[in-house]
Amino acid sequence: MLFGTSGIRDHYGTIITPHLAMGIASSFASAKGEVAVASDLRETSELLRHAAISGIVSRGANAIDLGCVPTPTLAFFTQARKIPGMMITASHNPSEYNGLKLYRDGHEISKNEEEEVEKKYGNGMELAKWDEVGKVRECDGAIREHIELVKGMVDAERIKKAKIKVVLDCNGVGSAIAPRLLSELGCTVISMNSAGLGFYRPSEPNAENLSELGKMVRACGAQIGIGHDGDADRAIILDENGEMLGLDAQFAMAIEHELVRHKGVVVNTVEASLLVKETIEKNGGKSVQVAVGSTNVSVEMEKQKAVFGGEPAGEYVFRGGVNTPDGMMAAAKFLEIFSEQGSLAKLKKKYKTYPIVREKFKCADRKAAMEKIMKGLSLGGKRNTIDGLREDFDDGFVLVRPSGTEHIIRLTAEFSERKRLEEMAAKARDAIKGAIGS
């Protein structure tokens, strides 16, 4: 199976090749139809985008080339135009990776359609006759439409009056839209890592990789720092001290901000923390958990008519916005939160977090390892197999699951007491190492 949690993603030159991009694009396209195509700023993305366009037009469909835009921008274009789309990106993965993500109506295609595309790909490319090949046209209006969508979903006037100074670390294709969006919202924007191809820091916006952003926030006296991943579907927020809000506190803050406006269902994943559950309940919402993956979140949001959904990695889906995680919308929403609440350093103290570990283990054969773990790991909690193996207890949980985007097994454990966390995490860690032969 080529498709994982979020499209097809792997090392460039092995699994991910121009041949694959052309073949998948051809298999996804319909003769005489249209497909929008975009890419991030990885060194290998432009050539893969052109390969995908070749696959589309060779099938007899027309390709709309959006150029280098964020994943949520491409997703919104498909949502607004009711046409399929293809994004060339490996999101937060390291530079040597790349990938293909297929969209309909603003969110990634279903697992059933992924299987259909993969089956067609296996049967070889179907070429249109020489006089029935498709056309290519460029479109440069997608970014403007996305900006207007975001501005219409926040209190733009209130944000402007707050006169917020922001340090922005796009480190990728978010640089095509984020500085412009924040400037139009009246912010003083200081950009870093926001020019040219490739990455200036590792793509994943975690604490280590955003250390320079934190320094810049302090040096400039900014109120907020915002860090994106390579395709800008994530947004990580730093307070005025240059410190991350924390993945769980940030998620809880966003949840409360939305539930204050609209009561209802909040969709989250099996990786979500105890704080997320508590925040939803405290604000009169209902928590619905799904397997990890933005597609699972967005599809369940539609089923539940949910008010908000997301994952603790800074990926959020807003009702009325794009049907996929949108780092631009998340950034604007946190500007709105600041304009209403003031200091984020003070605000985050309101959200009590618990001892938690999030670890990953390199694993060549994730499927075989998980089979061993499922059989060999039993901690005595309530068993949940929505995604990997999760065991819930009155005071916390342990989750072991295979990554759908990297060759790793992930361990997440959280408990109200540190000693209990260390005890349970050690047992799970031993089971993982035994299963992968480490």
Protein backbone atom coordinates (compact mmCIF):
# COMPACT_ATOMS: atom_id res chain seq x y z
CA MET A 1 0.00 0.00 0.00
CA LEU A 2 1.52 3.30 -1.11
CA PHE A 3 -0.86 5.56 0.84
CA GLY A 4 -0.29 6.16 4.55
CA THR A 5 -1.90 8.40 7.15
CA SER A 6 -1.58 11.46 4.93
CA GLY A 7 -1.10 10.65 1.25
CA ILE A 8 2.05 9.00 -0.09
CA ARG A 9 5.21 10.08 1.68
CA ASP A 10 8.76 8.72 1.66
CA HIS A 11 12.36 9.46 0.66
CA TYR A 12 12.79 11.16 -2.71
CA GLY A 13 14.49 8.95 -5.29
CA THR A 14 13.32 5.67 -3.77
CA ILE A 15 9.55 5.52 -3.39
CA ILE A 16 8.88 9.15 -4.37
CA THR A 17 9.98 9.72 -7.98
CA PRO A 18 8.83 11.76 -10.99
CA HIS A 19 7.53 8.49 -12.46
CA LEU A 20 5.35 7.93 -9.39
CA ALA A 21 4.05 11.51 -9.44
CA MET A 22 3.13 11.23 -13.13
CA GLY A 23 1.47 7.85 -12.69
CA ILE A 24 -0.54 8.75 -9.58
CA ALA A 25 -1.68 12.03 -11.15
CA SER A 26 -2.78 10.20 -14.29
CA SER A 27 -4.65 7.61 -12.21
CA PHE A 28 -6.36 10.34 -10.18
CA ALA A 29 -7.43 12.47 -13.16
CA SER A 30 -10.57 11.93 -15.20
CA ALA A 31 -10.58 12.47 -18.95
CA LYS A 32 -11.89 15.95 -19.83
CA GLY A 33 -11.91 16.90 -16.15
CA GLU A 34 -9.74 19.36 -14.20
CA VAL A 35 -7.16 18.87 -11.46
CA ALA A 36 -5.49 21.65 -9.48
CA VAL A 37 -1.81 21.08 -8.65
CA ALA A 38 0.48 22.87 -6.19
CA SER A 39 3.75 22.25 -4.37
CA ASP A 40 5.77 23.35 -1.36
CA LEU A 41 9.31 24.73 -1.50
CA ARG A 42 11.37 21.54 -1.13
CA GLU A 43 14.19 21.23 -3.63
CA THR A 44 12.44 18.27 -5.31
CA SER A 45 8.88 19.64 -5.28
CA GLU A 46 8.85 21.68 -8.48
CA LEU A 47 10.05 18.81 -10.65
CA LEU A 48 7.46 16.51 -9.06
CA ARG A 49 4.75 19.13 -9.69
CA HIS A 50 5.65 19.27 -13.38
CA ALA A 51 5.67 15.47 -13.54
CA ALA A 52 2.21 15.39 -11.99
CA ILE A 53 0.96 17.99 -14.49
CA SER A 54 2.30 15.81 -17.33
CA GLY A 55 0.39 12.85 -15.94
CA ILE A 56 -2.84 14.84 -15.76
CA VAL A 57 -2.72 16.26 -19.29
CA SER A 58 -1.57 12.94 -20.77
CA ARG A 59 -4.75 11.41 -19.35
CA GLY A 60 -6.82 13.96 -21.26
CA ALA A 61 -7.60 16.22 -18.28
CA ASN A 62 -6.77 19.89 -17.79
CA ALA A 63 -4.25 20.91 -15.12
CA ILE A 64 -4.56 24.13 -13.13
CA ASP A 65 -1.09 25.03 -11.91
CA LEU A 66 -1.25 27.00 -8.66
CA GLY A 67 2.53 27.04 -8.30
CA CYS A 68 4.04 27.13 -4.82
CA VAL A 69 1.26 27.62 -2.27
CA PRO A 70 0.46 26.08 1.15
CA THR A 71 -1.46 22.83 1.41
CA PRO A 72 -4.55 24.55 2.90
CA THR A 73 -4.54 27.04 0.00
CA LEU A 74 -4.66 24.18 -2.52
CA ALA A 75 -7.31 22.47 -0.39
CA PHE A 76 -9.49 25.58 -0.28
CA PHE A 77 -9.18 25.97 -4.04
CA THR A 78 -10.60 22.46 -4.51
CA GLN A 79 -13.32 23.21 -1.98
CA ALA A 80 -14.39 26.44 -3.64
CA ARG A 81 -14.17 25.11 -7.23
CA LYS A 82 -15.52 21.59 -6.53
CA ILE A 83 -12.61 20.03 -8.40
CA PRO A 84 -9.93 17.56 -7.30
CA GLY A 85 -6.44 18.66 -6.40
CA MET A 86 -2.95 17.30 -5.85
CA MET A 87 -0.38 18.71 -3.44
CA ILE A 88 3.33 17.94 -3.70
CA THR A 89 4.63 18.00 -0.13
CA ALA A 90 6.05 15.96 2.71
CA SER A 91 4.68 18.46 5.25
CA HIS A 92 6.85 18.40 8.40
CA ASN A 93 9.14 15.55 7.30
CA PRO A 94 12.90 16.12 6.76
CA SER A 95 14.24 17.58 3.51
CA GLU A 96 15.08 14.23 1.91
CA TYR A 97 11.39 13.29 1.98
CA ASN A 98 8.64 14.31 -0.40
CA GLY A 99 5.09 13.19 -1.03
CA LEU A 100 1.76 13.36 -2.85
CA LYS A 101 -1.57 14.33 -1.26
CA LEU A 102 -4.85 14.07 -3.17
CA TYR A 103 -7.84 16.31 -2.38
CA ARG A 104 -11.56 16.62 -3.01
CA ASP A 105 -13.81 19.29 -1.53
CA GLY A 106 -11.07 20.62 0.71
CA HIS A 107 -9.98 17.39 2.38
CA GLU A 108 -7.88 14.40 1.46
CA ILE A 109 -9.61 11.65 -0.48
CA SER A 110 -11.06 8.63 1.30
CA LYS A 111 -9.22 5.36 1.88
CA ASN A 112 -11.52 3.71 -0.66
CA GLU A 113 -10.57 6.21 -3.34
CA GLU A 114 -6.90 5.86 -2.44
CA GLU A 115 -7.22 2.14 -3.10
CA GLU A 116 -8.88 2.85 -6.46
CA VAL A 117 -6.12 5.26 -7.48
CA GLU A 118 -3.45 2.77 -6.44
CA LYS A 119 -5.15 -0.01 -8.41
CA LYS A 120 -5.27 2.15 -11.54
CA TYR A 121 -1.64 3.07 -11.03
CA GLY A 122 -0.74 -0.60 -10.87
CA ASN A 123 -2.44 -1.19 -14.22
CA GLY A 124 -0.26 1.41 -15.95
CA MET A 125 -0.94 4.86 -17.38
CA GLU A 126 -3.92 5.32 -19.69
CA LEU A 127 -2.94 7.79 -22.39
CA ALA A 128 -5.35 10.03 -24.25
CA LYS A 129 -5.09 10.27 -28.02
CA TRP A 130 -2.66 12.85 -29.35
CA ASP A 131 -5.47 15.26 -30.19
CA GLU A 132 -7.28 14.76 -26.84
CA VAL A 133 -4.53 15.58 -24.38
CA GLY A 134 -5.35 18.20 -21.79
CA LYS A 135 -4.22 21.80 -21.37
CA VAL A 136 -2.31 23.57 -18.62
CA ARG A 137 -3.23 26.96 -17.25
CA GLU A 138 -1.66 28.90 -14.42
CA CYS A 139 -3.74 30.47 -11.66
CA ASP A 140 -2.34 33.04 -9.27
CA GLY A 141 -5.54 34.00 -7.43
CA ALA A 142 -5.65 31.14 -4.91
CA ILE A 143 -3.61 32.98 -2.27
CA ARG A 144 -5.84 36.06 -2.39
CA GLU A 145 -8.96 33.91 -1.96
CA HIS A 146 -7.42 32.13 1.01
CA ILE A 147 -6.46 35.43 2.66
CA GLU A 148 -10.00 36.75 2.29
CA LEU A 149 -11.45 33.55 3.78
CA VAL A 150 -9.23 33.83 6.85
CA LYS A 151 -9.85 37.56 7.35
CA GLY A 152 -13.60 36.92 7.18
CA MET A 153 -13.46 34.37 10.01
CA VAL A 154 -11.74 36.51 12.65
CA ASP A 155 -12.40 39.93 14.16
CA ALA A 156 -10.02 41.72 11.83
CA GLU A 157 -10.75 45.18 13.24
CA ARG A 158 -10.07 44.08 16.80
CA ILE A 159 -6.78 42.50 15.75
CA LYS A 160 -5.75 45.69 13.95
CA LYS A 161 -6.52 47.80 17.03
CA ALA A 162 -4.32 45.53 19.17
CA LYS A 163 -1.28 46.54 17.07
CA ILE A 164 0.46 43.20 17.54
CA LYS A 165 4.13 42.70 16.81
CA VAL A 166 4.69 39.19 15.42
CA VAL A 167 7.82 37.25 14.57
CA LEU A 168 6.99 34.79 11.81
CA ASP A 169 9.08 31.72 10.97
CA CYS A 170 7.53 30.18 7.85
CA ASN A 171 10.52 28.06 6.79
CA GLY A 172 8.62 26.93 3.72
CA VAL A 173 5.73 27.76 1.47
CA GLY A 174 3.84 29.62 4.19
CA SER A 175 6.07 32.53 3.16
CA ALA A 176 3.86 32.89 0.07
CA ILE A 177 0.90 34.01 2.17
CA ALA A 178 1.53 34.43 5.92
CA PRO A 179 3.48 37.74 5.91
CA ARG A 180 0.87 39.30 3.63
CA LEU A 181 -2.05 37.98 5.70
CA LEU A 182 -0.66 39.18 9.00
CA SER A 183 0.28 42.57 7.57
CA GLU A 184 -3.26 43.02 6.25
CA LEU A 185 -4.51 42.21 9.76
CA GLY A 186 -2.56 45.23 10.98
CA CYS A 187 0.36 43.41 12.57
CA THR A 188 3.97 44.51 12.53
CA VAL A 189 5.55 41.44 10.95
CA ILE A 190 9.16 40.38 11.34
CA SER A 191 9.86 37.44 9.03
CA MET A 192 12.66 34.92 9.32
CA ASN A 193 13.47 31.82 7.28
CA SER A 194 11.01 33.00 4.66
CA ALA A 195 12.80 33.19 1.31
CA GLY A 196 13.98 30.80 -1.38
CA LEU A 197 13.85 27.05 -1.90
CA GLY A 198 14.53 24.50 0.79
CA PHE A 199 14.55 24.77 4.57
CA TYR A 200 16.66 26.98 6.83
CA ARG A 201 15.85 24.75 9.80
CA PRO A 202 14.35 21.25 10.03
CA SER A 203 10.75 21.37 8.85
CA GLU A 204 8.99 20.12 11.97
CA PRO A 205 8.11 23.14 14.15
CA ASN A 206 9.09 21.67 17.54
CA ALA A 207 10.82 23.28 20.51
CA GLU A 208 14.35 22.52 19.32
CA ASN A 209 13.73 23.75 15.77
CA LEU A 210 11.99 26.94 16.93
CA SER A 211 14.71 27.98 19.40
CA GLU A 212 15.91 30.77 17.09
CA LEU A 213 12.36 32.01 16.70
CA GLY A 214 12.13 32.26 20.49
CA LYS A 215 15.33 34.31 20.61
CA MET A 216 14.02 36.63 17.93
CA VAL A 217 10.71 37.15 19.77
CA ARG A 218 12.62 38.23 22.87
CA ALA A 219 15.07 40.39 20.94
CA CYS A 220 12.31 42.24 19.07
CA GLY A 221 9.95 42.64 22.01
CA ALA A 222 7.21 40.89 20.06
CA GLN A 223 3.94 39.71 21.62
CA ILE A 224 3.70 36.50 19.58
CA GLY A 225 5.91 34.14 17.62
CA ILE A 226 4.45 31.85 14.97
CA GLY A 227 6.24 28.87 13.44
CA HIS A 228 4.97 26.84 10.50
CA ASP A 229 6.00 23.53 8.98
CA GLY A 230 7.05 23.14 5.34
CA ASP A 231 3.55 23.21 3.83
CA ALA A 232 1.93 25.52 6.41
CA ASP A 233 -0.86 23.28 7.63
CA ARG A 234 0.59 23.56 11.14
CA ALA A 235 1.03 26.62 13.33
CA ILE A 236 2.98 26.58 16.59
CA ILE A 237 2.56 29.61 18.85
CA LEU A 238 5.18 31.20 21.11
CA ASP A 239 4.33 33.70 23.84
CA GLU A 240 6.02 37.06 24.47
CA ASN A 241 8.82 35.32 26.37
CA GLY A 242 9.70 33.33 23.26
CA GLU A 243 8.42 30.11 24.83
CA MET A 244 6.06 27.63 23.19
CA LEU A 245 2.58 27.52 24.67
CA GLY A 246 2.97 23.75 24.62
CA LEU A 247 1.17 21.47 22.17
CA ASP A 248 -1.54 20.49 24.64
CA ALA A 249 -2.11 23.93 26.15
CA GLN A 250 -2.21 25.49 22.66
CA PHE A 251 -4.78 22.93 21.51
CA ALA A 252 -6.86 23.47 24.64
CA MET A 253 -6.69 27.25 24.17
CA ALA A 254 -7.96 26.93 20.60
CA ILE A 255 -10.74 24.56 21.69
CA GLU A 256 -11.97 26.94 24.38
CA HIS A 257 -11.85 29.88 21.98
CA GLU A 258 -14.15 28.05 19.55
CA LEU A 259 -16.51 26.53 22.15
CA VAL A 260 -17.12 29.94 23.71
CA ARG A 261 -18.61 30.94 20.35
CA HIS A 262 -20.34 27.70 19.38
CA LYS A 263 -21.19 24.77 21.66
CA GLY A 264 -21.00 21.33 20.08
CA VAL A 265 -18.71 18.47 19.16
CA VAL A 266 -14.92 18.78 19.11
CA VAL A 267 -13.17 16.06 17.11
CA ASN A 268 -9.72 15.07 18.34
CA THR A 269 -7.44 12.06 17.96
CA VAL A 270 -6.25 9.21 20.15
CA GLU A 271 -3.06 11.21 20.80
CA ALA A 272 -4.95 14.04 22.50
CA SER A 273 -4.08 14.74 26.14
CA LEU A 274 -6.13 14.67 29.32
CA LEU A 275 -6.18 18.47 29.20
CA VAL A 276 -8.01 18.39 25.87
CA LYS A 277 -10.76 16.17 27.27
CA GLU A 278 -11.09 18.35 30.39
CA THR A 279 -11.24 21.57 28.36
CA ILE A 280 -13.98 20.24 26.10
CA GLU A 281 -16.10 19.07 29.03
CA LYS A 282 -15.56 22.26 31.04
CA ASN A 283 -16.78 24.38 28.13
CA GLY A 284 -19.92 22.36 27.46
CA GLY A 285 -18.65 20.50 24.42
CA LYS A 286 -18.61 16.84 23.47
CA SER A 287 -15.37 15.01 22.68
CA VAL A 288 -15.23 12.54 19.78
CA GLN A 289 -11.94 10.72 19.18
CA VAL A 290 -10.71 9.28 15.88
CA ALA A 291 -7.54 7.71 14.51
CA VAL A 292 -4.59 10.03 13.93
CA GLY A 293 -4.73 11.86 10.60
CA SER A 294 -6.28 15.11 9.42
CA THR A 295 -8.55 13.26 7.00
CA ASN A 296 -10.06 11.31 9.87
CA VAL A 297 -10.63 14.55 11.76
CA SER A 298 -12.23 16.45 8.87
CA VAL A 299 -14.46 13.54 7.77
CA GLU A 300 -15.71 13.01 11.32
CA MET A 301 -16.31 16.74 11.69
CA GLU A 302 -18.65 16.60 8.71
CA LYS A 303 -20.48 13.59 10.14
CA GLN A 304 -20.85 15.18 13.57
CA LYS A 305 -21.38 18.75 12.31
CA ALA A 306 -18.58 19.56 14.74
CA VAL A 307 -17.56 23.09 15.69
CA PHE A 308 -13.84 22.36 15.74
CA GLY A 309 -11.31 19.58 15.29
CA GLY A 310 -7.63 18.97 15.36
CA GLU A 311 -4.52 17.22 16.54
CA PRO A 312 -2.05 18.27 19.24
CA ALA A 313 0.69 18.87 16.67
CA GLY A 314 -0.73 22.31 15.85
CA GLU A 315 -3.08 21.05 13.11
CA TYR A 316 -6.57 22.54 13.43
CA VAL A 317 -9.72 22.41 11.28
CA PHE A 318 -12.21 25.25 11.77
CA ARG A 319 -15.89 25.01 10.92
CA GLY A 320 -16.64 27.39 8.07
CA GLY A 321 -13.02 27.37 6.93
CA VAL A 322 -10.98 24.89 4.91
CA ASN A 323 -11.84 21.21 5.36
CA THR A 324 -8.23 20.44 6.26
CA PRO A 325 -5.72 21.75 8.83
CA ASP A 326 -4.97 25.38 8.09
CA GLY A 327 -1.91 27.03 9.61
CA MET A 328 -2.97 30.42 8.27
CA MET A 329 -6.35 30.25 9.99
CA ALA A 330 -4.74 29.00 13.20
CA ALA A 331 -2.28 31.90 13.18
CA ALA A 332 -5.08 34.44 12.71
CA LYS A 333 -7.18 32.82 15.44
CA PHE A 334 -4.33 33.17 17.94
CA LEU A 335 -3.97 36.81 16.99
CA GLU A 336 -7.66 37.10 17.80
CA ILE A 337 -7.10 35.32 21.13
CA PHE A 338 -4.32 37.78 21.98
CA SER A 339 -6.46 40.75 20.99
CA GLU A 340 -9.13 39.55 23.46
CA GLN A 341 -7.05 38.04 26.28
CA GLY A 342 -3.71 39.86 26.22
CA SER A 343 -0.52 38.15 27.38
CA LEU A 344 -0.32 34.54 26.17
CA ALA A 345 2.29 33.79 28.85
CA LYS A 346 -0.29 34.61 31.50
CA LEU A 347 -3.13 32.90 29.66
CA LYS A 348 -1.35 29.56 29.32
CA LYS A 349 -1.03 29.30 33.12
CA LYS A 350 -4.78 28.69 33.17
CA TYR A 351 -4.31 25.33 31.42
CA LYS A 352 -3.00 22.61 33.71
CA THR A 353 -0.92 20.03 31.88
CA TYR A 354 0.09 16.62 33.18
CA PRO A 355 3.35 14.67 32.91
CA ILE A 356 3.55 13.30 29.37
CA VAL A 357 6.06 11.55 27.12
CA ARG A 358 6.04 11.54 23.34
CA GLU A 359 8.75 9.33 21.87
CA LYS A 360 9.50 7.67 18.55
CA PHE A 361 11.44 4.54 17.63
CA LYS A 362 12.90 3.81 14.20
CA CYS A 363 11.31 0.72 12.73
CA ALA A 364 11.78 -0.82 9.27
CA ASP A 365 8.65 -3.00 9.42
CA ARG A 366 5.95 -1.13 11.31
CA LYS A 367 3.21 -3.67 10.56
CA ALA A 368 5.14 -6.66 11.90
CA ALA A 369 6.26 -4.72 14.97
CA MET A 370 2.72 -3.62 15.80
CA GLU A 371 1.45 -7.18 15.50
CA LYS A 372 3.97 -8.24 18.15
CA ILE A 373 3.11 -5.27 20.36
CA MET A 374 -0.64 -5.92 20.13
CA LYS A 375 -0.08 -9.50 21.30
CA GLY A 376 2.62 -8.85 23.87
CA LEU A 377 1.67 -5.58 25.56
CA SER A 378 -1.05 -5.65 28.21
CA LEU A 379 -1.00 -3.01 30.94
CA GLY A 380 -4.38 -3.70 32.50
CA GLY A 381 -6.24 -0.67 31.17
CA LYS A 382 -9.29 -0.29 28.95
CA ARG A 383 -8.11 -1.35 25.50
CA ASN A 384 -8.73 0.82 22.46
CA THR A 385 -7.57 -0.23 18.97
CA ILE A 386 -8.90 2.67 16.88
CA ASP A 387 -5.32 3.45 15.92
CA GLY A 388 -2.56 1.17 17.19
CA LEU A 389 -3.02 0.23 20.85
CA ARG A 390 -4.25 2.61 23.52
CA GLU A 391 -4.94 1.62 27.12
CA ASP A 392 -6.92 4.04 29.30
CA PHE A 393 -6.82 4.28 33.09
CA ASP A 394 -8.55 6.52 35.61
CA ASP A 395 -5.35 8.54 35.93
CA GLY A 396 -3.98 8.48 32.37
CA PHE A 397 -3.31 6.51 29.19
CA VAL A 398 -0.64 4.78 27.11
CA LEU A 399 -0.73 4.82 23.28
CA VAL A 400 1.54 2.86 20.94
CA ARG A 401 0.92 3.34 17.23
CA PRO A 402 2.75 3.10 13.91
CA SER A 403 3.44 6.39 12.16
CA GLY A 404 1.63 6.73 8.86
CA THR A 405 4.24 9.12 7.47
CA GLU A 406 7.63 7.89 8.76
CA HIS A 407 9.33 4.56 9.46
CA ILE A 408 8.79 4.82 13.19
CA ILE A 409 6.65 3.54 16.06
CA ARG A 410 5.29 6.29 18.30
CA LEU A 411 4.78 6.11 22.07
CA THR A 412 2.54 8.60 23.85
CA ALA A 413 1.85 8.25 27.58
CA GLU A 414 0.29 10.66 30.05
CA PHE A 415 -0.59 10.30 33.73
CA SER A 416 -1.50 12.64 36.57
CA GLU A 417 1.63 11.65 38.54
CA ARG A 418 5.20 11.55 37.21
CA LYS A 419 6.13 8.30 38.99
CA ARG A 420 3.14 6.50 37.51
CA LEU A 421 3.99 7.87 34.04
CA GLU A 422 7.57 6.63 34.22
CA GLU A 423 6.45 3.18 35.36
CA MET A 424 3.88 2.71 32.58
CA ALA A 425 6.00 4.31 29.84
CA ALA A 426 8.90 2.01 30.73
CA LYS A 427 6.71 -1.07 30.23
CA ALA A 428 5.49 0.17 26.86
CA ARG A 429 9.02 1.18 25.84
CA ASP A 430 10.33 -2.32 26.63
CA ALA A 431 7.55 -3.89 24.53
CA ILE A 432 8.34 -1.62 21.58
CA LYS A 433 12.07 -2.32 21.72
CA GLY A 434 11.39 -6.03 21.95
CA ALA A 435 9.12 -5.92 18.92
CA ILE A 436 11.56 -4.00 16.73
CA GLY A 437 14.58 -5.99 17.93
CA SER A 438 16.33 -3.06 19.56
